[in-house]
Protein backbone atom coordinates (compact mmCIF):
# COMPACT_ATOMS: atom_id res chain seq x y z
CA MET A 1 -12.98 3.27 -10.60
CA LYS A 2 -14.64 1.86 -7.42
CA VAL A 3 -13.11 -1.73 -5.63
CA GLU A 4 -15.20 -4.13 -3.60
CA LEU A 5 -14.69 -7.06 -1.31
CA ASP A 6 -17.79 -9.06 -0.23
CA ASN A 7 -17.42 -11.52 1.95
CA VAL A 8 -14.49 -12.44 1.38
CA HIS A 9 -12.16 -15.06 3.02
CA LYS A 10 -8.81 -16.44 2.53
CA GLU A 11 -7.19 -19.91 3.33
CA PHE A 12 -3.66 -21.41 2.83
CA LYS A 13 -3.07 -24.97 3.24
CA LYS A 14 -0.85 -25.88 6.35
CA GLY A 15 0.38 -29.37 5.99
CA LYS A 16 -1.45 -32.40 4.73
CA ASP A 17 -4.55 -31.93 6.44
CA GLN A 18 -4.84 -28.31 8.28
CA LYS A 19 -5.63 -25.09 6.70
CA LEU A 20 -4.67 -21.49 7.74
CA GLN A 21 -7.34 -18.95 7.55
CA VAL A 22 -5.91 -15.61 6.76
CA LEU A 23 -8.96 -13.41 6.15
CA LYS A 24 -12.40 -13.44 7.14
CA ASP A 25 -15.46 -11.78 6.36
CA ILE A 26 -13.92 -9.07 4.93
CA ASN A 27 -16.19 -6.43 3.69
CA PHE A 28 -15.58 -2.72 2.39
CA ASN A 29 -15.20 -0.42 -0.64
CA ILE A 30 -12.86 2.19 -1.86
CA GLU A 31 -14.52 4.45 -4.06
CA GLU A 32 -13.27 6.10 -6.98
CA GLY A 33 -10.61 8.42 -6.87
CA GLU A 34 -10.19 7.29 -3.24
CA PHE A 35 -7.09 7.07 -1.15
CA VAL A 36 -7.52 4.25 1.43
CA SER A 37 -4.85 3.02 3.93
CA LEU A 38 -4.78 -0.28 5.42
CA LEU A 39 -3.26 -0.87 8.67
CA GLY A 40 -3.27 -3.59 11.09
CA PRO A 41 -0.12 -5.74 12.85
CA SER A 42 1.88 -8.23 10.83
CA GLY A 43 0.47 -11.56 9.36
CA CYS A 44 -2.80 -10.10 9.72
CA GLY A 45 -3.65 -10.59 6.15
CA LYS A 46 -3.12 -6.94 4.56
CA SER A 47 -0.79 -7.92 1.95
CA THR A 48 -3.27 -10.57 1.39
CA VAL A 49 -6.09 -8.09 0.49
CA LEU A 50 -3.75 -6.12 -1.81
CA LYS A 51 -2.73 -9.62 -3.74
CA LEU A 52 -6.53 -10.56 -4.03
CA ILE A 53 -7.51 -7.11 -5.80
CA ALA A 54 -4.74 -7.28 -8.25
CA GLY A 55 -5.86 -10.77 -9.39
CA LEU A 56 -2.26 -12.32 -8.27
CA ASP A 57 -4.19 -14.96 -5.88
CA ALA A 58 -7.48 -15.92 -5.86
CA THR A 59 -10.41 -15.67 -2.63
CA THR A 60 -11.41 -18.93 -0.79
CA SER A 61 -14.93 -17.61 -0.94
CA GLY A 62 -16.32 -14.36 -1.23
CA GLU A 63 -15.89 -11.56 -4.25
CA VAL A 64 -13.32 -9.29 -5.13
CA ARG A 65 -15.06 -6.75 -8.04
CA VAL A 66 -13.39 -3.66 -9.67
CA ASN A 67 -16.18 -1.40 -11.12
CA GLY A 68 -18.50 -4.06 -10.94
CA GLY A 69 -16.67 -6.94 -12.58
CA LYS A 70 -15.21 -9.48 -10.64
CA VAL A 71 -11.82 -9.84 -10.47
CA THR A 72 -10.27 -13.40 -11.65
CA LYS A 73 -6.82 -12.28 -12.80
CA PRO A 74 -4.36 -9.43 -13.23
CA GLY A 75 -5.16 -6.06 -15.49
CA THR A 76 -3.27 -3.40 -16.42
CA ASP A 77 -6.39 -1.59 -14.75
CA ARG A 78 -4.84 -2.46 -11.14
CA ILE A 79 -0.75 -1.99 -10.97
CA VAL A 80 1.09 -2.75 -7.67
CA VAL A 81 4.40 -1.12 -6.59
CA PHE A 82 5.83 -3.24 -4.17
CA GLN A 83 8.09 -2.20 -1.08
CA GLU A 84 11.43 -3.42 -3.22
CA GLY A 85 10.46 -1.25 -6.76
CA GLY A 86 12.00 -4.50 -8.88
CA LEU A 87 13.66 -2.30 -11.50
CA PHE A 88 15.79 -4.39 -13.99
CA PRO A 89 19.26 -3.70 -13.43
CA TRP A 90 20.41 -3.86 -16.92
CA MET A 91 17.87 -0.97 -18.33
CA THR A 92 18.46 2.45 -17.73
CA VAL A 93 15.77 4.17 -15.86
CA LYS A 94 13.90 5.36 -18.74
CA GLU A 95 13.88 1.78 -20.49
CA ASN A 96 12.54 0.85 -17.19
CA VAL A 97 9.71 2.99 -17.24
CA ALA A 98 8.68 2.19 -20.96
CA TYR A 99 8.80 -1.66 -20.08
CA GLY A 100 5.23 -2.31 -19.61
CA LEU A 101 4.32 0.46 -22.40
CA ASN A 102 6.31 -1.50 -24.84
CA LEU A 103 4.38 -4.75 -23.91
CA LYS A 104 1.37 -3.22 -25.20
CA LYS A 105 2.98 -2.73 -28.40
CA MET A 106 2.43 0.95 -28.88
CA SER A 107 4.21 3.41 -31.37
CA LYS A 108 7.52 3.98 -30.52
CA ALA A 109 6.46 8.23 -30.39
CA GLU A 110 3.53 7.30 -27.90
CA VAL A 111 5.79 5.39 -25.46
CA GLU A 112 8.47 8.03 -25.81
CA GLN A 113 5.96 10.91 -24.89
CA LYS A 114 4.13 8.85 -22.16
CA THR A 115 7.88 7.86 -20.73
CA VAL A 116 9.30 11.36 -20.73
CA ASP A 117 6.17 12.60 -19.33
CA GLY A 118 5.98 9.97 -16.06
CA LEU A 119 9.39 10.82 -15.26
CA GLN A 120 8.81 14.32 -15.47
CA MET A 121 5.95 13.64 -12.91
CA VAL A 122 8.51 12.00 -10.26
CA HIS A 123 11.08 14.63 -10.96
CA LEU A 124 13.51 12.20 -12.68
CA GLY A 125 13.48 13.72 -16.18
CA ASN A 126 17.22 14.07 -15.57
CA PHE A 127 18.33 10.86 -15.09
CA ALA A 128 16.27 8.94 -17.77
CA ASP A 129 19.70 7.54 -19.12
CA ALA A 130 21.16 6.38 -15.38
CA TYR A 131 20.63 3.03 -14.28
CA PRO A 132 19.38 1.94 -11.09
CA TYR A 133 22.86 1.00 -9.61
CA GLU A 134 23.21 5.02 -9.84
CA LEU A 135 20.19 5.73 -7.91
CA SER A 136 19.49 6.31 -4.11
CA GLY A 137 16.41 4.05 -2.96
CA GLY A 138 14.09 7.02 -2.65
CA MET A 139 14.91 7.94 -6.27
CA LYS A 140 14.67 4.18 -7.45
CA GLN A 141 11.01 3.92 -5.81
CA ARG A 142 9.99 6.90 -7.76
CA VAL A 143 11.14 5.42 -11.14
CA ALA A 144 8.84 2.40 -10.23
CA ILE A 145 6.27 4.73 -9.29
CA ALA A 146 6.61 6.11 -12.93
CA ARG A 147 6.77 2.80 -14.42
CA ALA A 148 2.83 1.91 -12.84
CA LEU A 149 1.57 5.44 -13.70
CA VAL A 150 2.79 5.28 -17.29
CA MET A 151 0.17 2.33 -17.60
CA ASP A 152 -2.57 4.45 -17.16
CA PRO A 153 -3.89 2.17 -14.28
CA GLU A 154 -7.44 3.04 -12.41
CA VAL A 155 -6.31 1.35 -9.48
CA LEU A 156 -3.08 1.89 -8.00
CA LEU A 157 -2.14 -0.74 -5.28
CA MET A 158 0.70 0.22 -3.10
CA ASP A 159 2.42 -2.59 -0.62
CA GLU A 160 4.70 -0.47 1.81
CA PRO A 161 6.04 1.29 -0.71
CA PHE A 162 8.60 3.37 1.22
CA ALA A 163 9.23 0.97 4.31
CA ALA A 164 12.83 0.91 3.54
CA LEU A 165 13.62 4.38 3.13
CA ASP A 166 14.58 6.73 5.60
CA GLU A 167 12.74 9.10 7.08
CA GLN A 168 13.36 12.43 5.23
CA THR A 169 13.12 10.45 2.12
CA ARG A 170 9.82 9.09 2.92
CA LEU A 171 8.34 12.71 4.08
CA VAL A 172 9.35 13.76 0.50
CA LEU A 173 7.71 10.95 -1.40
CA HIS A 174 4.39 11.54 0.75
CA LYS A 175 4.86 14.78 -0.98
CA GLU A 176 5.48 13.44 -3.98
CA LEU A 177 2.86 10.81 -4.00
CA GLN A 178 -0.28 13.34 -2.97
CA ASN A 179 0.29 15.38 -5.74
CA ILE A 180 0.41 12.48 -8.14
CA TRP A 181 -2.68 11.40 -6.99
CA ARG A 182 -4.32 14.99 -7.07
CA LYS A 183 -3.16 15.10 -10.76
CA THR A 184 -4.22 11.57 -11.81
CA GLY A 185 -7.36 10.91 -9.78
CA ASN A 186 -5.99 7.60 -9.25
CA THR A 187 -8.08 5.07 -6.79
CA ILE A 188 -5.24 4.02 -4.32
CA LEU A 189 -5.26 1.49 -1.55
CA PHE A 190 -1.94 2.08 0.14
CA ILE A 191 -0.74 -0.86 2.78
CA THR A 192 1.36 0.56 5.55
CA HIS A 193 2.66 -0.32 9.39
CA ASN A 194 2.94 3.39 9.90
CA ILE A 195 0.15 5.13 11.53
CA ARG A 196 1.28 9.02 10.87
CA GLU A 197 1.87 7.72 7.35
CA ALA A 198 -1.40 6.22 6.71
CA LEU A 199 -3.09 9.54 8.65
CA THR A 200 -0.76 12.17 6.40
CA LEU A 201 -1.79 10.57 2.93
CA SER A 202 -5.24 8.77 2.89
CA ASP A 203 -8.99 10.20 2.94
CA ARG A 204 -9.71 6.71 5.06
CA VAL A 205 -7.90 4.36 7.08
CA LEU A 206 -8.75 0.75 7.76
CA LEU A 207 -7.73 -1.15 10.82
CA MET A 208 -7.35 -4.89 10.83
CA SER A 209 -7.51 -7.09 13.44
CA THR A 210 -5.13 -9.93 14.19
CA ARG A 211 -5.40 -13.46 12.30
CA PRO A 212 -7.87 -14.12 10.80
CA GLY A 213 -8.01 -10.68 9.52
CA GLN A 214 -11.14 -8.67 9.60
CA ILE A 215 -11.78 -4.91 9.48
CA LYS A 216 -12.08 -3.78 12.87
CA ALA A 217 -12.55 -0.24 12.46
CA SER A 218 -12.75 2.49 10.02
CA PHE A 219 -11.20 6.13 10.68
CA THR A 220 -11.80 9.02 8.27
CA VAL A 221 -9.23 11.87 7.78
CA GLN A 222 -10.81 15.28 7.72
CA ALA A 223 -7.74 17.41 8.19
CA ALA A 224 -7.30 19.86 5.77
CA ARG A 225 -4.92 18.83 2.64
CA PRO A 226 -2.03 19.39 1.91
CA ARG A 227 -1.86 17.56 5.26
CA ASP A 228 0.67 17.95 7.83
CA PRO A 229 1.66 15.44 10.43
CA ALA A 230 1.38 18.04 13.40
CA ASP A 231 -2.08 19.09 12.42
CA SER A 232 -3.93 18.62 15.59
CA VAL A 233 -6.69 16.40 13.38
CA ILE A 234 -4.42 14.12 12.66
CA VAL A 235 -2.35 14.19 16.28
CA ASP A 236 -6.11 12.94 17.78
CA LEU A 237 -6.90 10.74 15.39
CA GLU A 238 -3.48 8.96 15.70
CA LYS A 239 -3.86 8.28 19.36
CA ARG A 240 -7.39 6.78 18.81
CA VAL A 241 -5.74 4.63 16.21
CA MET A 242 -2.86 3.88 18.34
CA THR A 243 -5.44 2.54 20.94
CA GLU A 244 -7.12 0.09 18.47
CA LEU A 245 -4.18 -1.11 17.39
CA GLU A 246 -2.80 -2.11 20.69
CA ILE A 247 -5.45 -4.13 21.34
CA GLU A 248 -4.38 -6.21 18.41
CA MET A 249 -0.83 -6.00 19.19
CA GLU A 250 -1.52 -7.40 22.75
CA LYS A 251 -3.46 -10.41 21.43
CA VAL A 252 -0.36 -11.10 18.55
CA LEU A 253 2.37 -10.96 21.96
CA LYS A 254 -0.01 -12.72 24.17
CA GLU A 255 0.06 -15.48 21.24
CA GLU A 256 3.68 -15.63 20.96
CA PHE A 257 4.78 -14.91 24.73
CA GLY A 258 1.59 -16.27 26.89
CA ASP A 259 -1.18 -14.58 28.68
CA ASP A 260 1.00 -13.20 31.23
CA TYR A 261 2.47 -10.65 28.79
CA SER A 262 1.22 -7.21 28.47
CA LEU A 263 1.84 -4.03 26.24
CA LYS A 264 1.88 -1.94 29.52
CA THR A 265 3.90 -3.97 31.84
CA ASP A 266 6.32 -5.07 29.22
CA HIS A 267 6.56 -1.15 28.25
CA LEU A 268 6.68 -2.49 24.30
CA ARG A 269 6.14 0.86 22.35
CA SER A 270 5.77 1.76 19.04
CA GLY A 271 8.68 4.19 17.27
CA ASP A 272 8.35 8.13 16.75
CA HIS A 273 6.33 7.57 14.26
CA ARG A 274 4.24 5.17 15.45
CA ASP A 275 5.33 2.10 12.91
CA MET A 276 4.05 -0.47 14.99
CA GLY A 277 5.58 -3.24 12.35
CA SER A 278 9.29 -2.86 14.02
CA ASN A 279 8.36 -4.29 17.03
CA ILE A 280 6.99 -7.65 15.62
């Protein structure tokens, strides 16, 4: 399913008479079956873009289209996985995964089969009767992904789904997500602050500017799959993305600390995995 954003603007009210422009002239497409990541400094509007595609918010002007149809409300063709899985604590893993299916009034046999298939896809079949409090953070996110996948979405929207996880768990889930994407052929938009994560997962990485957010650059990732973060193609591309992102970071920091502030002189650097969001 193809996603198109055509000259999208978004403003929020700020006080009685003021408006805050969050997005300006956003134009990009995500082709059917493509995995695209969105990077940018905090506050640039990444999550707002995702919500517009999901139909959870409306544009101020411009259009968001999915398969040629204008997005005006949420739909089961577009499912969101948030940073916090949002599992129901009183339900078992199996009941959480089946929740959306039961709302569709499917037969019990069909709900059962889809739920079992979803749990197997994320390797949690042995935890079907467990409750969320019994699971690790990574397992909870796998349940959230399974709950999204069983709905057979054509577009999977992921808003920093691995941000709160430790690095080892994150690497495992990178492999899981790539395997799932190859099997399902979903169109995926993935929001992250982590450059290496974006390059490891994506066909293409879009870099947004500071607010009002615009698409500043697009990077096609031509590294072979399955991806190795140490691949020279990814390492070289990471440097290019970092250079562009540091320019935007400088703007954010000067706005906060004044024109005398500089990334170079103040030695602000990202972490080992280029997670720029940890510094602002």
